[in-house]
Amino acid sequence: MSKKSRKRLGREESTRRILDAARMLFAERGYTAVSVREIAAAAGVSHALVHRYLGGKKEVYRAVLSRDEDTIRDTAAGEEDLLQATRLMLREAWEKERTYVRLLAHSALHGLPFDRTIGHFPATERLIELAAATVPAGETSDPAGPEPRFVVISLVAMLFGWAAARDWLLAAAGLQDMSEEEHFAAFERVVLDIERLYFPSPEAPGGS
């Protein structure tokens, strides 16, 4: 391997570690309570290296959002079926990107302004595109119901709430003995059943 290649791989690995550390700290303590020095220490790199590779805290935060949003969206790359894309993204978000989902929930609950984010959320936008293709813009399966974009963001909000309060809610309902697989399978089914209600498959009347 050439010296240039080793240097590039070194930067890629350092960047990955910085973003992983930042995601963990932002999810646990929130954006305002975390410093670049703390991110650097958790990543095992220098404070200067974080600034050199990514910039200040605002840029690090946005880089975390961009990377993890793309990862969730890309798990359903090429999938044109709304329900299947939702299932794939939901699984990816919960099984591999749970800390990221908690980060989003924490940021929203603590009033971080939207303009601190990357300004768009590719995974959600892809689901909105698929929903719009299923039900034309401005229409719904129920004329008195919400438009497709609102349905999609409501389902995304359910995931945020599940990530933030799952343990409390399971305990409140006396369901804390359910296994991880059982409670997520049940949650997934609820989300998909709601989605079927608003976006019935044209090949299966009534969405069945």
N, C-alpha and C. Protein backbone atom coordinates (compact mmCIF):
# COMPACT_ATOMS: atom_id res chain seq x y z
N MET A 1 0.85 -1.19 0.00
CA MET A 1 0.00 0.00 0.00
C MET A 1 0.88 1.24 0.00
N SER A 2 0.54 2.22 -0.82
CA SER A 2 1.34 3.42 -0.93
C SER A 2 1.21 4.29 0.31
N LYS A 3 2.16 5.20 0.46
CA LYS A 3 2.12 6.14 1.59
C LYS A 3 0.86 6.99 1.52
N LYS A 4 0.47 7.40 0.29
CA LYS A 4 -0.73 8.21 0.12
C LYS A 4 -1.98 7.44 0.54
N SER A 5 -2.02 6.15 0.19
CA SER A 5 -3.17 5.32 0.57
C SER A 5 -3.25 5.15 2.07
N ARG A 6 -2.09 4.94 2.72
CA ARG A 6 -2.08 4.80 4.17
C ARG A 6 -2.57 6.06 4.84
N LYS A 7 -2.18 7.21 4.29
CA LYS A 7 -2.60 8.48 4.86
C LYS A 7 -4.11 8.65 4.71
N ARG A 8 -4.65 8.27 3.53
CA ARG A 8 -6.08 8.40 3.30
C ARG A 8 -6.87 7.51 4.24
N LEU A 9 -6.42 6.26 4.38
CA LEU A 9 -7.11 5.34 5.28
C LEU A 9 -7.04 5.82 6.72
N GLY A 10 -5.90 6.43 7.08
CA GLY A 10 -5.77 6.97 8.42
C GLY A 10 -6.78 8.08 8.67
N ARG A 11 -6.99 8.90 7.69
CA ARG A 11 -7.96 9.99 7.84
C ARG A 11 -9.38 9.42 7.90
N GLU A 12 -9.67 8.44 7.07
CA GLU A 12 -11.01 7.84 7.07
C GLU A 12 -11.31 7.19 8.42
N GLU A 13 -10.36 6.47 8.96
CA GLU A 13 -10.56 5.81 10.24
C GLU A 13 -10.71 6.84 11.36
N SER A 14 -9.88 7.88 11.34
CA SER A 14 -9.98 8.92 12.36
C SER A 14 -11.34 9.62 12.30
N THR A 15 -11.78 9.91 11.08
CA THR A 15 -13.08 10.56 10.91
C THR A 15 -14.21 9.68 11.43
N ARG A 16 -14.14 8.39 11.13
CA ARG A 16 -15.16 7.46 11.62
C ARG A 16 -15.20 7.47 13.14
N ARG A 17 -14.03 7.43 13.77
CA ARG A 17 -13.98 7.41 15.23
C ARG A 17 -14.52 8.72 15.81
N ILE A 18 -14.21 9.82 15.18
CA ILE A 18 -14.72 11.12 15.65
C ILE A 18 -16.24 11.15 15.57
N LEU A 19 -16.78 10.71 14.44
CA LEU A 19 -18.24 10.74 14.26
C LEU A 19 -18.94 9.76 15.21
N ASP A 20 -18.35 8.59 15.41
CA ASP A 20 -18.94 7.63 16.35
C ASP A 20 -18.95 8.19 17.77
N ALA A 21 -17.84 8.81 18.17
CA ALA A 21 -17.77 9.39 19.51
C ALA A 21 -18.74 10.55 19.67
N ALA A 22 -18.83 11.39 18.64
CA ALA A 22 -19.74 12.53 18.70
C ALA A 22 -21.18 12.07 18.79
N ARG A 23 -21.54 11.06 18.00
CA ARG A 23 -22.91 10.55 18.04
C ARG A 23 -23.26 10.03 19.44
N MET A 24 -22.36 9.31 20.05
CA MET A 24 -22.60 8.76 21.38
C MET A 24 -22.78 9.89 22.40
N LEU A 25 -21.90 10.88 22.37
CA LEU A 25 -21.96 11.97 23.34
C LEU A 25 -23.18 12.85 23.13
N PHE A 26 -23.49 13.17 21.89
CA PHE A 26 -24.67 13.99 21.60
C PHE A 26 -25.95 13.26 22.03
N ALA A 27 -25.99 11.95 21.81
CA ALA A 27 -27.17 11.17 22.19
C ALA A 27 -27.34 11.11 23.70
N GLU A 28 -26.23 11.01 24.42
CA GLU A 28 -26.29 10.89 25.88
C GLU A 28 -26.53 12.21 26.58
N ARG A 29 -25.91 13.29 26.07
CA ARG A 29 -25.92 14.55 26.83
C ARG A 29 -26.52 15.73 26.09
N GLY A 30 -26.73 15.60 24.81
CA GLY A 30 -27.29 16.70 24.04
C GLY A 30 -26.22 17.57 23.42
N TYR A 31 -26.62 18.31 22.42
CA TYR A 31 -25.69 19.12 21.64
C TYR A 31 -24.96 20.16 22.49
N THR A 32 -25.70 20.92 23.28
CA THR A 32 -25.09 22.04 24.00
C THR A 32 -24.13 21.61 25.10
N ALA A 33 -24.31 20.41 25.63
CA ALA A 33 -23.49 19.96 26.76
C ALA A 33 -22.20 19.27 26.35
N VAL A 34 -21.94 19.19 25.05
CA VAL A 34 -20.76 18.47 24.56
C VAL A 34 -19.80 19.46 23.89
N SER A 35 -18.51 19.30 24.17
CA SER A 35 -17.50 20.15 23.55
C SER A 35 -16.68 19.35 22.54
N VAL A 36 -16.00 20.07 21.66
CA VAL A 36 -15.14 19.41 20.68
C VAL A 36 -14.00 18.68 21.39
N ARG A 37 -13.50 19.24 22.46
CA ARG A 37 -12.42 18.57 23.21
C ARG A 37 -12.90 17.23 23.77
N GLU A 38 -14.13 17.18 24.25
CA GLU A 38 -14.67 15.93 24.77
C GLU A 38 -14.86 14.91 23.66
N ILE A 39 -15.29 15.37 22.50
CA ILE A 39 -15.42 14.47 21.35
C ILE A 39 -14.06 13.91 20.96
N ALA A 40 -13.06 14.77 20.92
CA ALA A 40 -11.71 14.35 20.56
C ALA A 40 -11.18 13.32 21.55
N ALA A 41 -11.40 13.57 22.84
CA ALA A 41 -10.92 12.65 23.86
C ALA A 41 -11.60 11.29 23.73
N ALA A 42 -12.91 11.28 23.49
CA ALA A 42 -13.63 10.02 23.35
C ALA A 42 -13.20 9.26 22.10
N ALA A 43 -12.80 10.00 21.08
CA ALA A 43 -12.37 9.37 19.82
C ALA A 43 -10.91 8.96 19.85
N GLY A 44 -10.17 9.45 20.84
CA GLY A 44 -8.75 9.13 20.92
C GLY A 44 -7.90 9.89 19.92
N VAL A 45 -8.34 11.11 19.58
CA VAL A 45 -7.58 11.94 18.65
C VAL A 45 -7.39 13.31 19.28
N SER A 46 -6.62 14.15 18.63
CA SER A 46 -6.37 15.48 19.17
C SER A 46 -7.52 16.43 18.82
N HIS A 47 -7.65 17.44 19.65
CA HIS A 47 -8.64 18.50 19.41
C HIS A 47 -8.41 19.14 18.04
N ALA A 48 -7.14 19.36 17.72
CA ALA A 48 -6.80 20.00 16.44
C ALA A 48 -7.20 19.13 15.26
N LEU A 49 -7.10 17.81 15.43
CA LEU A 49 -7.43 16.92 14.32
C LEU A 49 -8.93 16.98 13.99
N VAL A 50 -9.76 17.10 15.02
CA VAL A 50 -11.20 17.23 14.77
C VAL A 50 -11.46 18.47 13.92
N HIS A 51 -10.84 19.58 14.29
CA HIS A 51 -11.03 20.82 13.53
C HIS A 51 -10.48 20.69 12.11
N ARG A 52 -9.36 20.01 11.97
CA ARG A 52 -8.76 19.87 10.65
C ARG A 52 -9.61 19.03 9.72
N TYR A 53 -10.17 17.95 10.23
CA TYR A 53 -10.92 17.03 9.38
C TYR A 53 -12.39 17.42 9.20
N LEU A 54 -12.99 18.01 10.26
CA LEU A 54 -14.43 18.24 10.20
C LEU A 54 -14.86 19.68 10.49
N GLY A 55 -14.06 20.40 11.26
CA GLY A 55 -14.44 21.75 11.63
C GLY A 55 -14.85 21.84 13.09
N GLY A 56 -15.70 22.80 13.41
CA GLY A 56 -16.16 22.99 14.77
C GLY A 56 -17.31 22.06 15.14
N LYS A 57 -17.89 22.29 16.31
CA LYS A 57 -18.94 21.39 16.81
C LYS A 57 -20.14 21.35 15.87
N LYS A 58 -20.52 22.49 15.34
CA LYS A 58 -21.65 22.54 14.42
C LYS A 58 -21.42 21.65 13.20
N GLU A 59 -20.22 21.70 12.66
CA GLU A 59 -19.90 20.88 11.49
C GLU A 59 -19.83 19.40 11.85
N VAL A 60 -19.32 19.10 13.04
CA VAL A 60 -19.27 17.69 13.48
C VAL A 60 -20.69 17.15 13.63
N TYR A 61 -21.57 17.93 14.26
CA TYR A 61 -22.95 17.50 14.45
C TYR A 61 -23.62 17.23 13.10
N ARG A 62 -23.45 18.14 12.17
CA ARG A 62 -24.06 17.96 10.86
C ARG A 62 -23.47 16.78 10.11
N ALA A 63 -22.19 16.53 10.30
CA ALA A 63 -21.56 15.37 9.65
C ALA A 63 -22.13 14.06 10.20
N VAL A 64 -22.40 14.03 11.51
CA VAL A 64 -23.03 12.84 12.10
C VAL A 64 -24.41 12.62 11.48
N LEU A 65 -25.21 13.67 11.41
CA LEU A 65 -26.55 13.56 10.83
C LEU A 65 -26.49 13.08 9.39
N SER A 66 -25.61 13.68 8.61
CA SER A 66 -25.51 13.33 7.19
C SER A 66 -25.10 11.88 7.00
N ARG A 67 -24.10 11.43 7.74
CA ARG A 67 -23.62 10.06 7.59
C ARG A 67 -24.70 9.05 7.97
N ASP A 68 -25.33 9.24 9.11
CA ASP A 68 -26.27 8.24 9.59
C ASP A 68 -27.58 8.27 8.83
N GLU A 69 -28.02 9.46 8.40
CA GLU A 69 -29.21 9.54 7.55
C GLU A 69 -28.98 8.79 6.24
N ASP A 70 -27.83 8.99 5.64
CA ASP A 70 -27.52 8.32 4.38
C ASP A 70 -27.48 6.80 4.57
N THR A 71 -26.94 6.36 5.72
CA THR A 71 -26.87 4.93 5.99
C THR A 71 -28.26 4.32 6.08
N ILE A 72 -29.18 4.99 6.75
CA ILE A 72 -30.55 4.49 6.88
C ILE A 72 -31.25 4.50 5.52
N ARG A 73 -31.12 5.60 4.79
CA ARG A 73 -31.76 5.68 3.47
C ARG A 73 -31.21 4.61 2.53
N ASP A 74 -29.90 4.43 2.54
CA ASP A 74 -29.27 3.53 1.57
C ASP A 74 -29.60 2.06 1.81
N THR A 75 -30.07 1.73 3.01
CA THR A 75 -30.42 0.33 3.26
C THR A 75 -31.61 -0.10 2.40
N ALA A 76 -32.38 0.89 1.90
CA ALA A 76 -33.51 0.58 1.01
C ALA A 76 -33.27 1.11 -0.40
N ALA A 77 -32.01 1.26 -0.76
CA ALA A 77 -31.67 1.78 -2.09
C ALA A 77 -32.29 0.90 -3.18
N GLY A 78 -32.96 1.55 -4.12
CA GLY A 78 -33.57 0.82 -5.22
C GLY A 78 -34.93 0.23 -4.91
N GLU A 79 -35.37 0.31 -3.66
CA GLU A 79 -36.67 -0.25 -3.28
C GLU A 79 -37.77 0.76 -3.60
N GLU A 80 -38.75 0.34 -4.40
CA GLU A 80 -39.82 1.24 -4.81
C GLU A 80 -41.12 1.01 -4.05
N ASP A 81 -41.19 -0.04 -3.27
CA ASP A 81 -42.39 -0.32 -2.49
C ASP A 81 -42.29 0.39 -1.15
N LEU A 82 -43.30 1.21 -0.84
CA LEU A 82 -43.26 2.03 0.37
C LEU A 82 -43.15 1.19 1.63
N LEU A 83 -43.98 0.15 1.75
CA LEU A 83 -43.96 -0.65 2.98
C LEU A 83 -42.63 -1.37 3.16
N GLN A 84 -42.10 -1.91 2.07
CA GLN A 84 -40.83 -2.62 2.19
C GLN A 84 -39.69 -1.65 2.52
N ALA A 85 -39.69 -0.47 1.91
CA ALA A 85 -38.67 0.53 2.21
C ALA A 85 -38.76 0.96 3.67
N THR A 86 -39.98 1.14 4.16
CA THR A 86 -40.18 1.51 5.56
C THR A 86 -39.65 0.42 6.48
N ARG A 87 -39.98 -0.83 6.16
CA ARG A 87 -39.51 -1.96 6.97
C ARG A 87 -37.98 -2.00 7.01
N LEU A 88 -37.35 -1.85 5.87
CA LEU A 88 -35.88 -1.91 5.82
C LEU A 88 -35.25 -0.77 6.60
N MET A 89 -35.76 0.45 6.41
CA MET A 89 -35.21 1.61 7.11
C MET A 89 -35.46 1.52 8.61
N LEU A 90 -36.64 1.05 8.98
CA LEU A 90 -36.97 0.92 10.40
C LEU A 90 -36.04 -0.06 11.08
N ARG A 91 -35.80 -1.18 10.44
CA ARG A 91 -34.89 -2.18 10.99
C ARG A 91 -33.46 -1.63 11.11
N GLU A 92 -33.01 -0.95 10.07
CA GLU A 92 -31.67 -0.37 10.10
C GLU A 92 -31.56 0.65 11.23
N ALA A 93 -32.58 1.50 11.34
CA ALA A 93 -32.56 2.54 12.37
C ALA A 93 -32.52 1.93 13.76
N TRP A 94 -33.26 0.85 13.97
CA TRP A 94 -33.33 0.29 15.31
C TRP A 94 -32.16 -0.65 15.61
N GLU A 95 -31.78 -1.49 14.68
CA GLU A 95 -30.76 -2.49 14.97
C GLU A 95 -29.34 -1.93 14.93
N LYS A 96 -29.08 -0.96 14.04
CA LYS A 96 -27.71 -0.48 13.87
C LYS A 96 -27.53 1.00 14.18
N GLU A 97 -28.60 1.77 14.09
CA GLU A 97 -28.47 3.22 14.26
C GLU A 97 -29.30 3.75 15.43
N ARG A 98 -29.49 2.92 16.46
CA ARG A 98 -30.34 3.32 17.58
C ARG A 98 -29.80 4.54 18.31
N THR A 99 -28.50 4.60 18.47
CA THR A 99 -27.91 5.76 19.15
C THR A 99 -28.20 7.03 18.36
N TYR A 100 -28.18 6.93 17.04
CA TYR A 100 -28.48 8.09 16.20
C TYR A 100 -29.94 8.53 16.38
N VAL A 101 -30.85 7.58 16.44
CA VAL A 101 -32.26 7.92 16.63
C VAL A 101 -32.45 8.60 17.99
N ARG A 102 -31.76 8.11 19.01
CA ARG A 102 -31.83 8.76 20.32
C ARG A 102 -31.26 10.17 20.26
N LEU A 103 -30.20 10.34 19.47
CA LEU A 103 -29.62 11.67 19.30
C LEU A 103 -30.66 12.63 18.73
N LEU A 104 -31.38 12.20 17.70
CA LEU A 104 -32.40 13.06 17.11
C LEU A 104 -33.50 13.37 18.11
N ALA A 105 -33.95 12.34 18.84
CA ALA A 105 -35.00 12.56 19.83
C ALA A 105 -34.54 13.54 20.90
N HIS A 106 -33.32 13.36 21.39
CA HIS A 106 -32.77 14.23 22.43
C HIS A 106 -32.67 15.66 21.91
N SER A 107 -32.18 15.82 20.69
CA SER A 107 -32.02 17.16 20.12
C SER A 107 -33.36 17.87 19.99
N ALA A 108 -34.37 17.15 19.50
CA ALA A 108 -35.69 17.75 19.31
C ALA A 108 -36.33 18.10 20.65
N LEU A 109 -36.24 17.18 21.62
CA LEU A 109 -36.88 17.40 22.91
C LEU A 109 -36.24 18.55 23.68
N HIS A 110 -34.96 18.81 23.41
CA HIS A 110 -34.27 19.88 24.13
C HIS A 110 -34.19 21.18 23.32
N GLY A 111 -35.01 21.26 22.28
CA GLY A 111 -35.20 22.52 21.59
C GLY A 111 -34.07 22.97 20.69
N LEU A 112 -33.25 22.04 20.20
CA LEU A 112 -32.20 22.45 19.28
C LEU A 112 -32.86 22.96 18.00
N PRO A 113 -32.54 24.18 17.54
CA PRO A 113 -33.20 24.73 16.35
C PRO A 113 -32.95 23.87 15.11
N PHE A 114 -33.94 23.81 14.24
CA PHE A 114 -33.81 23.02 13.02
C PHE A 114 -32.64 23.51 12.16
N ASP A 115 -32.33 24.81 12.22
CA ASP A 115 -31.25 25.32 11.38
C ASP A 115 -29.86 24.86 11.84
N ARG A 116 -29.79 24.17 12.98
CA ARG A 116 -28.52 23.56 13.40
C ARG A 116 -28.31 22.20 12.73
N THR A 117 -29.38 21.66 12.14
CA THR A 117 -29.27 20.36 11.48
C THR A 117 -28.73 20.54 10.07
N ILE A 118 -28.74 19.47 9.29
CA ILE A 118 -28.30 19.57 7.89
C ILE A 118 -29.39 20.15 7.01
N GLY A 119 -30.56 20.42 7.59
CA GLY A 119 -31.62 21.09 6.85
C GLY A 119 -32.52 20.15 6.05
N HIS A 120 -32.18 18.89 6.02
CA HIS A 120 -33.03 17.91 5.34
C HIS A 120 -32.67 16.54 5.89
N PHE A 121 -33.62 15.59 5.76
CA PHE A 121 -33.41 14.26 6.29
C PHE A 121 -33.70 13.25 5.17
N PRO A 122 -32.64 12.81 4.49
CA PRO A 122 -32.80 11.99 3.28
C PRO A 122 -33.66 10.74 3.46
N ALA A 123 -33.56 10.06 4.61
CA ALA A 123 -34.36 8.84 4.80
C ALA A 123 -35.85 9.18 4.82
N THR A 124 -36.21 10.21 5.57
CA THR A 124 -37.61 10.62 5.63
C THR A 124 -38.07 11.13 4.28
N GLU A 125 -37.23 11.89 3.60
CA GLU A 125 -37.59 12.43 2.28
C GLU A 125 -37.84 11.31 1.28
N ARG A 126 -37.07 10.23 1.37
CA ARG A 126 -37.28 9.11 0.45
C ARG A 126 -38.63 8.44 0.72
N LEU A 127 -39.00 8.29 1.98
CA LEU A 127 -40.31 7.72 2.30
C LEU A 127 -41.44 8.62 1.82
N ILE A 128 -41.24 9.92 1.93
CA ILE A 128 -42.25 10.87 1.43
C ILE A 128 -42.40 10.73 -0.08
N GLU A 129 -41.28 10.58 -0.78
CA GLU A 129 -41.33 10.39 -2.24
C GLU A 129 -42.13 9.14 -2.60
N LEU A 130 -41.87 8.05 -1.89
CA LEU A 130 -42.57 6.79 -2.17
C LEU A 130 -44.05 6.90 -1.82
N ALA A 131 -44.35 7.61 -0.73
CA ALA A 131 -45.75 7.80 -0.35
C ALA A 131 -46.48 8.63 -1.40
N ALA A 132 -45.82 9.66 -1.89
CA ALA A 132 -46.43 10.51 -2.91
C ALA A 132 -46.67 9.74 -4.20
N ALA A 133 -45.80 8.78 -4.49
CA ALA A 133 -45.98 7.95 -5.69
C ALA A 133 -47.14 6.98 -5.51
N THR A 134 -47.42 6.62 -4.26
CA THR A 134 -48.53 5.70 -3.97
C THR A 134 -49.86 6.43 -3.96
N VAL A 135 -49.88 7.62 -3.34
CA VAL A 135 -51.06 8.47 -3.31
C VAL A 135 -50.66 9.82 -3.86
N PRO A 136 -51.20 10.27 -4.99
CA PRO A 136 -50.80 11.54 -5.59
C PRO A 136 -50.82 12.69 -4.60
N ALA A 137 -49.90 13.63 -4.77
CA ALA A 137 -49.80 14.78 -3.88
C ALA A 137 -51.14 15.48 -3.74
N GLY A 138 -51.48 15.83 -2.51
CA GLY A 138 -52.72 16.53 -2.25
C GLY A 138 -53.91 15.62 -2.07
N GLU A 139 -53.71 14.29 -2.22
CA GLU A 139 -54.79 13.34 -2.06
C GLU A 139 -54.44 12.36 -0.95
N THR A 140 -55.44 11.67 -0.44
CA THR A 140 -55.23 10.60 0.52
C THR A 140 -56.25 9.51 0.23
N SER A 141 -56.02 8.32 0.78
CA SER A 141 -57.02 7.26 0.63
C SER A 141 -58.31 7.66 1.32
N ASP A 142 -58.21 8.52 2.32
CA ASP A 142 -59.37 9.10 3.01
C ASP A 142 -59.36 10.60 2.71
N PRO A 143 -60.30 11.09 1.90
CA PRO A 143 -60.30 12.51 1.52
C PRO A 143 -60.27 13.47 2.70
N ALA A 144 -60.79 13.00 3.84
CA ALA A 144 -60.81 13.87 5.02
C ALA A 144 -59.55 13.71 5.86
N GLY A 145 -58.66 12.82 5.46
CA GLY A 145 -57.47 12.53 6.25
C GLY A 145 -56.29 13.44 5.92
N PRO A 146 -55.17 13.23 6.62
CA PRO A 146 -53.98 14.06 6.40
C PRO A 146 -53.30 13.72 5.08
N GLU A 147 -52.51 14.65 4.58
CA GLU A 147 -51.80 14.40 3.34
C GLU A 147 -50.63 13.44 3.60
N PRO A 148 -50.11 12.79 2.55
CA PRO A 148 -49.07 11.77 2.71
C PRO A 148 -47.86 12.21 3.52
N ARG A 149 -47.39 13.44 3.30
CA ARG A 149 -46.20 13.89 4.04
C ARG A 149 -46.43 13.86 5.54
N PHE A 150 -47.63 14.24 5.96
CA PHE A 150 -47.92 14.27 7.39
C PHE A 150 -47.97 12.87 7.97
N VAL A 151 -48.52 11.93 7.21
CA VAL A 151 -48.57 10.54 7.68
C VAL A 151 -47.15 10.02 7.89
N VAL A 152 -46.28 10.25 6.92
CA VAL A 152 -44.90 9.76 7.01
C VAL A 152 -44.18 10.35 8.21
N ILE A 153 -44.27 11.66 8.40
CA ILE A 153 -43.53 12.26 9.53
C ILE A 153 -44.13 11.83 10.86
N SER A 154 -45.42 11.51 10.89
CA SER A 154 -46.02 11.01 12.13
C SER A 154 -45.45 9.64 12.48
N LEU A 155 -45.22 8.80 11.47
CA LEU A 155 -44.64 7.49 11.72
C LEU A 155 -43.18 7.62 12.17
N VAL A 156 -42.47 8.57 11.57
CA VAL A 156 -41.09 8.82 12.01
C VAL A 156 -41.09 9.29 13.46
N ALA A 157 -42.05 10.12 13.82
CA ALA A 157 -42.15 10.60 15.20
C ALA A 157 -42.39 9.44 16.16
N MET A 158 -43.13 8.44 15.72
CA MET A 158 -43.34 7.25 16.56
C MET A 158 -42.01 6.58 16.87
N LEU A 159 -41.14 6.50 15.88
CA LEU A 159 -39.82 5.90 16.11
C LEU A 159 -39.02 6.73 17.11
N PHE A 160 -39.06 8.05 16.99
CA PHE A 160 -38.36 8.91 17.95
C PHE A 160 -38.87 8.66 19.36
N GLY A 161 -40.20 8.63 19.49
CA GLY A 161 -40.79 8.41 20.80
C GLY A 161 -40.44 7.05 21.37
N TRP A 162 -40.42 6.04 20.50
CA TRP A 162 -40.07 4.69 20.94
C TRP A 162 -38.63 4.66 21.44
N ALA A 163 -37.74 5.33 20.72
CA ALA A 163 -36.33 5.36 21.13
C ALA A 163 -36.16 6.09 22.46
N ALA A 164 -36.94 7.14 22.67
CA ALA A 164 -36.77 7.97 23.86
C ALA A 164 -37.42 7.37 25.10
N ALA A 165 -38.56 6.68 24.94
CA ALA A 165 -39.34 6.29 26.11
C ALA A 165 -39.74 4.82 26.13
N ARG A 166 -39.11 4.00 25.32
CA ARG A 166 -39.51 2.60 25.22
C ARG A 166 -39.57 1.90 26.58
N ASP A 167 -38.50 1.97 27.35
CA ASP A 167 -38.44 1.23 28.61
C ASP A 167 -39.54 1.67 29.58
N TRP A 168 -39.79 2.97 29.66
CA TRP A 168 -40.85 3.48 30.53
C TRP A 168 -42.21 2.98 30.06
N LEU A 169 -42.44 3.03 28.76
CA LEU A 169 -43.75 2.65 28.23
C LEU A 169 -44.02 1.16 28.42
N LEU A 170 -43.01 0.34 28.18
CA LEU A 170 -43.18 -1.10 28.38
C LEU A 170 -43.50 -1.41 29.84
N ALA A 171 -42.78 -0.73 30.75
CA ALA A 171 -43.02 -0.95 32.17
C ALA A 171 -44.42 -0.47 32.56
N ALA A 172 -44.83 0.68 32.04
CA ALA A 172 -46.15 1.22 32.37
C ALA A 172 -47.27 0.30 31.92
N ALA A 173 -47.02 -0.43 30.81
CA ALA A 173 -48.03 -1.34 30.28
C ALA A 173 -47.88 -2.76 30.82
N GLY A 174 -46.88 -2.98 31.68
CA GLY A 174 -46.64 -4.32 32.22
C GLY A 174 -46.06 -5.28 31.19
N LEU A 175 -45.34 -4.72 30.23
CA LEU A 175 -44.79 -5.54 29.13
C LEU A 175 -43.27 -5.62 29.17
N GLN A 176 -42.68 -5.29 30.31
CA GLN A 176 -41.22 -5.23 30.39
C GLN A 176 -40.56 -6.60 30.24
N ASP A 177 -41.32 -7.68 30.34
CA ASP A 177 -40.74 -9.01 30.20
C ASP A 177 -40.64 -9.45 28.74
N MET A 178 -41.16 -8.66 27.83
CA MET A 178 -41.02 -9.00 26.41
C MET A 178 -39.56 -8.93 26.01
N SER A 179 -39.15 -9.80 25.11
CA SER A 179 -37.78 -9.77 24.62
C SER A 179 -37.60 -8.59 23.66
N GLU A 180 -36.36 -8.26 23.39
CA GLU A 180 -36.04 -7.19 22.44
C GLU A 180 -36.69 -7.46 21.08
N GLU A 181 -36.57 -8.67 20.60
CA GLU A 181 -37.14 -9.02 19.30
C GLU A 181 -38.66 -8.93 19.32
N GLU A 182 -39.28 -9.38 20.40
CA GLU A 182 -40.74 -9.37 20.49
C GLU A 182 -41.30 -7.95 20.49
N HIS A 183 -40.72 -7.08 21.32
CA HIS A 183 -41.31 -5.75 21.38
C HIS A 183 -41.03 -4.94 20.13
N PHE A 184 -39.87 -5.16 19.50
CA PHE A 184 -39.66 -4.39 18.27
C PHE A 184 -40.51 -4.93 17.13
N ALA A 185 -40.69 -6.25 17.06
CA ALA A 185 -41.57 -6.83 16.03
C ALA A 185 -42.99 -6.28 16.17
N ALA A 186 -43.46 -6.14 17.42
CA ALA A 186 -44.80 -5.60 17.65
C ALA A 186 -44.86 -4.12 17.24
N PHE A 187 -43.84 -3.37 17.61
CA PHE A 187 -43.79 -1.95 17.23
C PHE A 187 -43.77 -1.81 15.71
N GLU A 188 -42.93 -2.60 15.06
CA GLU A 188 -42.83 -2.56 13.60
C GLU A 188 -44.19 -2.85 12.96
N ARG A 189 -44.89 -3.84 13.48
CA ARG A 189 -46.20 -4.19 12.91
C ARG A 189 -47.18 -3.04 13.04
N VAL A 190 -47.18 -2.37 14.19
CA VAL A 190 -48.08 -1.23 14.38
C VAL A 190 -47.78 -0.15 13.34
N VAL A 191 -46.50 0.18 13.17
CA VAL A 191 -46.11 1.21 12.20
C VAL A 191 -46.56 0.83 10.80
N LEU A 192 -46.29 -0.40 10.40
CA LEU A 192 -46.63 -0.83 9.04
C LEU A 192 -48.14 -0.94 8.84
N ASP A 193 -48.87 -1.35 9.88
CA ASP A 193 -50.32 -1.42 9.75
C ASP A 193 -50.93 -0.03 9.58
N ILE A 194 -50.40 0.95 10.28
CA ILE A 194 -50.86 2.33 10.10
C ILE A 194 -50.54 2.79 8.69
N GLU A 195 -49.35 2.47 8.23
CA GLU A 195 -48.96 2.87 6.87
C GLU A 195 -49.86 2.23 5.82
N ARG A 196 -50.21 0.96 6.02
CA ARG A 196 -51.13 0.28 5.09
C ARG A 196 -52.50 0.94 5.06
N LEU A 197 -52.92 1.45 6.20
CA LEU A 197 -54.22 2.11 6.29
C LEU A 197 -54.28 3.32 5.37
N TYR A 198 -53.21 4.10 5.35
CA TYR A 198 -53.17 5.32 4.56
C TYR A 198 -52.67 5.10 3.14
N PHE A 199 -51.87 4.06 2.94
CA PHE A 199 -51.31 3.80 1.62
C PHE A 199 -51.56 2.36 1.20
N PRO A 200 -52.83 2.01 0.96
CA PRO A 200 -53.14 0.62 0.59
C PRO A 200 -52.49 0.25 -0.73
N SER A 201 -52.03 -0.97 -0.81
CA SER A 201 -51.41 -1.46 -2.04
C SER A 201 -52.44 -1.53 -3.14
N PRO A 202 -52.11 -1.02 -4.33
CA PRO A 202 -53.06 -1.08 -5.44
C PRO A 202 -53.33 -2.52 -5.88
N GLU A 203 -52.43 -3.43 -5.52
CA GLU A 203 -52.60 -4.83 -5.91
C GLU A 203 -53.35 -5.62 -4.85
N ALA A 204 -53.62 -4.98 -3.73
CA ALA A 204 -54.32 -5.67 -2.64
C ALA A 204 -55.38 -4.74 -2.09
N PRO A 205 -56.60 -4.75 -2.64
CA PRO A 205 -57.66 -3.84 -2.21
C PRO A 205 -57.83 -3.83 -0.70
N GLY A 206 -57.94 -2.62 -0.17
CA GLY A 206 -58.09 -2.47 1.27
C GLY A 206 -56.78 -2.58 2.02
N GLY A 207 -55.64 -2.79 1.26
CA GLY A 207 -54.33 -2.84 1.90
C GLY A 207 -54.04 -4.14 2.56
N SER A 208 -54.85 -5.19 2.34
CA SER A 208 -54.63 -6.47 3.00
C SER A 208 -53.60 -7.28 2.28
